[in-house]
Amino acid sequence: MALGDKIRKLRDELGMSQAQLAAQGGLSQGYLSQLENEEVQNPSAAVIFGLARALHVDPRVLMHAAGYQEDPGDGGSADSYEVTVDPDLLRFLARIPRDQQTHLLRVLQGMEAKPAPTRPGPTWASSGRRR
């Protein structure tokens, strides 16, 4: 599959518009459109890595589609990469603005860093019984 087709397919799977992907990938929407329509030959590695990050895929997937030769010492295949994040979660996140994504990430990181508070059980003195 050609790079433009691969980008479009991944973008569609995430429910992202060209404008959203361009913004998250650090590109102009016009340049992204040119990439998807195969009007750009040999995009830079920086472009491919930015798009891969925004599409939540291993950069090798896009490098392979762009025709770059795989490093034989790498041992991995672009086709064998598996995303471990729920696709529905990625689609949801792709629809909310970047600043809200950042806020949500901070909330989730805070939840991960702190154990859930435990509530002490009732004691005899505080059980409410009267003598």
C-alpha atoms as a PDB file:
ATOM      1  CA  MET A   1       0.000   0.000   0.000  1.00  0.00           C
ATOM      2  CA  ALA A   2       1.344   3.424  -0.953  1.00  0.00           C
ATOM      3  CA  LEU A   3       2.117   5.979   1.736  1.00  0.00           C
ATOM      4  CA  GLY A   4      -0.791   8.276   0.874  1.00  0.00           C
ATOM      5  CA  ASP A   5      -3.278   5.423   0.974  1.00  0.00           C
ATOM      6  CA  LYS A   6      -1.825   4.179   4.269  1.00  0.00           C
ATOM      7  CA  ILE A   7      -2.066   7.621   5.883  1.00  0.00           C
ATOM      8  CA  ARG A   8      -5.651   8.094   4.695  1.00  0.00           C
ATOM      9  CA  LYS A   9      -6.654   4.598   5.878  1.00  0.00           C
ATOM     10  CA  LEU A  10      -5.162   5.112   9.352  1.00  0.00           C
ATOM     11  CA  ARG A  11      -6.655   8.607   9.608  1.00  0.00           C
ATOM     12  CA  ASP A  12     -10.092   7.304   8.634  1.00  0.00           C
ATOM     13  CA  GLU A  13      -9.843   4.456  11.154  1.00  0.00           C
ATOM     14  CA  LEU A  14      -9.259   7.031  13.887  1.00  0.00           C
ATOM     15  CA  GLY A  15     -12.067   9.256  12.631  1.00  0.00           C
ATOM     16  CA  MET A  16      -9.690  12.185  12.195  1.00  0.00           C
ATOM     17  CA  SER A  17     -10.060  14.982   9.690  1.00  0.00           C
ATOM     18  CA  GLN A  18      -7.112  16.113   7.604  1.00  0.00           C
ATOM     19  CA  ALA A  19      -7.005  19.303   9.654  1.00  0.00           C
ATOM     20  CA  GLN A  20      -6.782  17.354  12.924  1.00  0.00           C
ATOM     21  CA  LEU A  21      -4.047  15.044  11.678  1.00  0.00           C
ATOM     22  CA  ALA A  22      -2.097  17.899  10.136  1.00  0.00           C
ATOM     23  CA  ALA A  23      -2.205  19.863  13.396  1.00  0.00           C
ATOM     24  CA  GLN A  24      -1.208  16.883  15.534  1.00  0.00           C
ATOM     25  CA  GLY A  25       1.478  15.814  13.061  1.00  0.00           C
ATOM     26  CA  GLY A  26       2.995  19.287  12.788  1.00  0.00           C
ATOM     27  CA  LEU A  27       2.157  19.747   9.092  1.00  0.00           C
ATOM     28  CA  SER A  28       0.011  22.063   7.043  1.00  0.00           C
ATOM     29  CA  GLN A  29      -3.263  20.620   5.821  1.00  0.00           C
ATOM     30  CA  GLY A  30      -2.175  21.338   2.243  1.00  0.00           C
ATOM     31  CA  TYR A  31       1.020  19.312   2.651  1.00  0.00           C
ATOM     32  CA  LEU A  32      -0.924  16.433   4.219  1.00  0.00           C
ATOM     33  CA  SER A  33      -3.336  16.516   1.284  1.00  0.00           C
ATOM     34  CA  GLN A  34      -0.373  16.341  -1.108  1.00  0.00           C
ATOM     35  CA  LEU A  35       0.985  13.341   0.827  1.00  0.00           C
ATOM     36  CA  GLU A  36      -2.347  11.525   0.719  1.00  0.00           C
ATOM     37  CA  ASN A  37      -2.687  12.214  -3.014  1.00  0.00           C
ATOM     38  CA  GLU A  38       0.867  10.931  -3.691  1.00  0.00           C
ATOM     39  CA  GLU A  39       1.989  14.367  -4.938  1.00  0.00           C
ATOM     40  CA  VAL A  40       5.013  14.331  -2.595  1.00  0.00           C
ATOM     41  CA  GLN A  41       7.842  11.884  -3.190  1.00  0.00           C
ATOM     42  CA  ASN A  42      10.203  10.852  -0.382  1.00  0.00           C
ATOM     43  CA  PRO A  43       8.920  12.869   2.584  1.00  0.00           C
ATOM     44  CA  SER A  44      11.481  13.439   5.295  1.00  0.00           C
ATOM     45  CA  ALA A  45      11.836  11.125   8.258  1.00  0.00           C
ATOM     46  CA  ALA A  46      10.708  14.002  10.505  1.00  0.00           C
ATOM     47  CA  VAL A  47       7.415  14.205   8.596  1.00  0.00           C
ATOM     48  CA  ILE A  48       6.894  10.451   8.786  1.00  0.00           C
ATOM     49  CA  PHE A  49       7.724  10.311  12.501  1.00  0.00           C
ATOM     50  CA  GLY A  50       5.358  13.215  13.246  1.00  0.00           C
ATOM     51  CA  LEU A  51       2.527  11.513  11.382  1.00  0.00           C
ATOM     52  CA  ALA A  52       3.246   8.163  13.019  1.00  0.00           C
ATOM     53  CA  ARG A  53       3.065   9.758  16.466  1.00  0.00           C
ATOM     54  CA  ALA A  54      -0.229  11.482  15.604  1.00  0.00           C
ATOM     55  CA  LEU A  55      -1.649   8.253  14.124  1.00  0.00           C
ATOM     56  CA  HIS A  56      -0.453   6.149  17.084  1.00  0.00           C
ATOM     57  CA  VAL A  57       1.486   3.697  14.920  1.00  0.00           C
ATOM     58  CA  ASP A  58       5.068   2.525  14.787  1.00  0.00           C
ATOM     59  CA  PRO A  59       6.983   4.807  12.366  1.00  0.00           C
ATOM     60  CA  ARG A  60       8.166   1.692  10.515  1.00  0.00           C
ATOM     61  CA  VAL A  61       4.613   1.241   9.217  1.00  0.00           C
ATOM     62  CA  LEU A  62       4.794   4.560   7.372  1.00  0.00           C
ATOM     63  CA  MET A  63       8.480   4.193   6.465  1.00  0.00           C
ATOM     64  CA  HIS A  64       7.657   0.859   4.813  1.00  0.00           C
ATOM     65  CA  ALA A  65       4.721   2.407   2.916  1.00  0.00           C
ATOM     66  CA  ALA A  66       6.982   5.265   1.779  1.00  0.00           C
ATOM     67  CA  GLY A  67       9.378   2.726   0.279  1.00  0.00           C
ATOM     68  CA  TYR A  68      12.256   3.161   2.701  1.00  0.00           C
ATOM     69  CA  GLN A  69      14.300   0.006   3.114  1.00  0.00           C
ATOM     70  CA  GLU A  70      14.055  -1.679   6.485  1.00  0.00           C
ATOM     71  CA  ASP A  71      17.225  -2.045   8.530  1.00  0.00           C
ATOM     72  CA  PRO A  72      18.054  -5.777   8.348  1.00  0.00           C
ATOM     73  CA  GLY A  73      19.443  -5.676  11.895  1.00  0.00           C
ATOM     74  CA  ASP A  74      16.155  -4.281  13.203  1.00  0.00           C
ATOM     75  CA  GLY A  75      14.440  -7.646  13.474  1.00  0.00           C
ATOM     76  CA  GLY A  76      10.947  -6.129  13.386  1.00  0.00           C
ATOM     77  CA  SER A  77       8.499  -5.983  10.541  1.00  0.00           C
ATOM     78  CA  ALA A  78       6.244  -3.032   9.883  1.00  0.00           C
ATOM     79  CA  ASP A  79       3.360  -5.433   9.349  1.00  0.00           C
ATOM     80  CA  SER A  80       3.892  -7.120  12.712  1.00  0.00           C
ATOM     81  CA  TYR A  81       3.436  -3.949  14.769  1.00  0.00           C
ATOM     82  CA  GLU A  82       0.355  -4.070  16.952  1.00  0.00           C
ATOM     83  CA  VAL A  83      -1.304  -1.102  18.612  1.00  0.00           C
ATOM     84  CA  THR A  84      -2.151  -1.905  22.223  1.00  0.00           C
ATOM     85  CA  VAL A  85      -4.544   1.008  22.704  1.00  0.00           C
ATOM     86  CA  ASP A  86      -8.282   0.535  22.234  1.00  0.00           C
ATOM     87  CA  PRO A  87      -9.210   1.986  18.810  1.00  0.00           C
ATOM     88  CA  ASP A  88     -12.445   3.440  20.246  1.00  0.00           C
ATOM     89  CA  LEU A  89     -10.390   5.375  22.810  1.00  0.00           C
ATOM     90  CA  LEU A  90      -8.137   6.717  20.060  1.00  0.00           C
ATOM     91  CA  ARG A  91     -11.153   7.796  17.992  1.00  0.00           C
ATOM     92  CA  PHE A  92     -12.609   9.550  21.053  1.00  0.00           C
ATOM     93  CA  LEU A  93      -9.351  11.337  21.814  1.00  0.00           C
ATOM     94  CA  ALA A  94      -8.927  12.390  18.187  1.00  0.00           C
ATOM     95  CA  ARG A  95     -12.265  14.240  18.353  1.00  0.00           C
ATOM     96  CA  ILE A  96     -11.458  16.399  21.379  1.00  0.00           C
ATOM     97  CA  PRO A  97      -9.266  19.503  21.176  1.00  0.00           C
ATOM     98  CA  ARG A  98      -5.564  19.168  21.948  1.00  0.00           C
ATOM     99  CA  ASP A  99      -5.715  21.300  25.128  1.00  0.00           C
ATOM    100  CA  GLN A 100      -8.473  19.063  26.519  1.00  0.00           C
ATOM    101  CA  GLN A 101      -6.421  15.989  25.604  1.00  0.00           C
ATOM    102  CA  THR A 102      -3.540  17.435  27.628  1.00  0.00           C
ATOM    103  CA  HIS A 103      -5.824  18.085  30.613  1.00  0.00           C
ATOM    104  CA  LEU A 104      -7.269  14.567  30.420  1.00  0.00           C
ATOM    105  CA  LEU A 105      -3.770  13.105  30.259  1.00  0.00           C
ATOM    106  CA  ARG A 106      -2.791  14.976  33.430  1.00  0.00           C
ATOM    107  CA  VAL A 107      -5.874  13.680  35.229  1.00  0.00           C
ATOM    108  CA  LEU A 108      -5.141  10.103  34.161  1.00  0.00           C
ATOM    109  CA  GLN A 109      -1.481  10.414  35.121  1.00  0.00           C
ATOM    110  CA  GLY A 110      -2.547  11.686  38.532  1.00  0.00           C
ATOM    111  CA  MET A 111      -4.826   8.702  38.976  1.00  0.00           C
ATOM    112  CA  GLU A 112      -2.041   6.333  38.015  1.00  0.00           C
ATOM    113  CA  ALA A 113       0.524   7.889  40.352  1.00  0.00           C
ATOM    114  CA  LYS A 114      -1.597   7.795  43.497  1.00  0.00           C
ATOM    115  CA  PRO A 115      -3.152   4.717  45.041  1.00  0.00           C
ATOM    116  CA  ALA A 116      -6.873   4.937  45.652  1.00  0.00           C
ATOM    117  CA  PRO A 117      -7.619   6.334  49.107  1.00  0.00           C
ATOM    118  CA  THR A 118      -8.838   3.788  51.603  1.00  0.00           C
ATOM    119  CA  ARG A 119     -11.606   4.611  53.989  1.00  0.00           C
ATOM    120  CA  PRO A 120     -11.137   3.394  57.527  1.00  0.00           C
ATOM    121  CA  GLY A 121     -13.764   0.961  58.719  1.00  0.00           C
ATOM    122  CA  PRO A 122     -16.086   1.810  61.644  1.00  0.00           C
ATOM    123  CA  THR A 123     -14.621   1.528  65.105  1.00  0.00           C
ATOM    124  CA  TRP A 124     -16.470   0.691  68.313  1.00  0.00           C
ATOM    125  CA  ALA A 125     -16.128   4.255  69.562  1.00  0.00           C
ATOM    126  CA  SER A 126     -17.441   5.764  66.350  1.00  0.00           C
ATOM    127  CA  SER A 127     -20.144   3.232  65.594  1.00  0.00           C
ATOM    128  CA  GLY A 128     -22.829   5.540  66.929  1.00  0.00           C
ATOM    129  CA  ARG A 129     -24.006   3.215  69.695  1.00  0.00           C
ATOM    130  CA  ARG A 130     -25.038   4.786  72.973  1.00  0.00           C
ATOM    131  CA  ARG A 131     -24.453   3.184  76.290  1.00  0.00           C
END
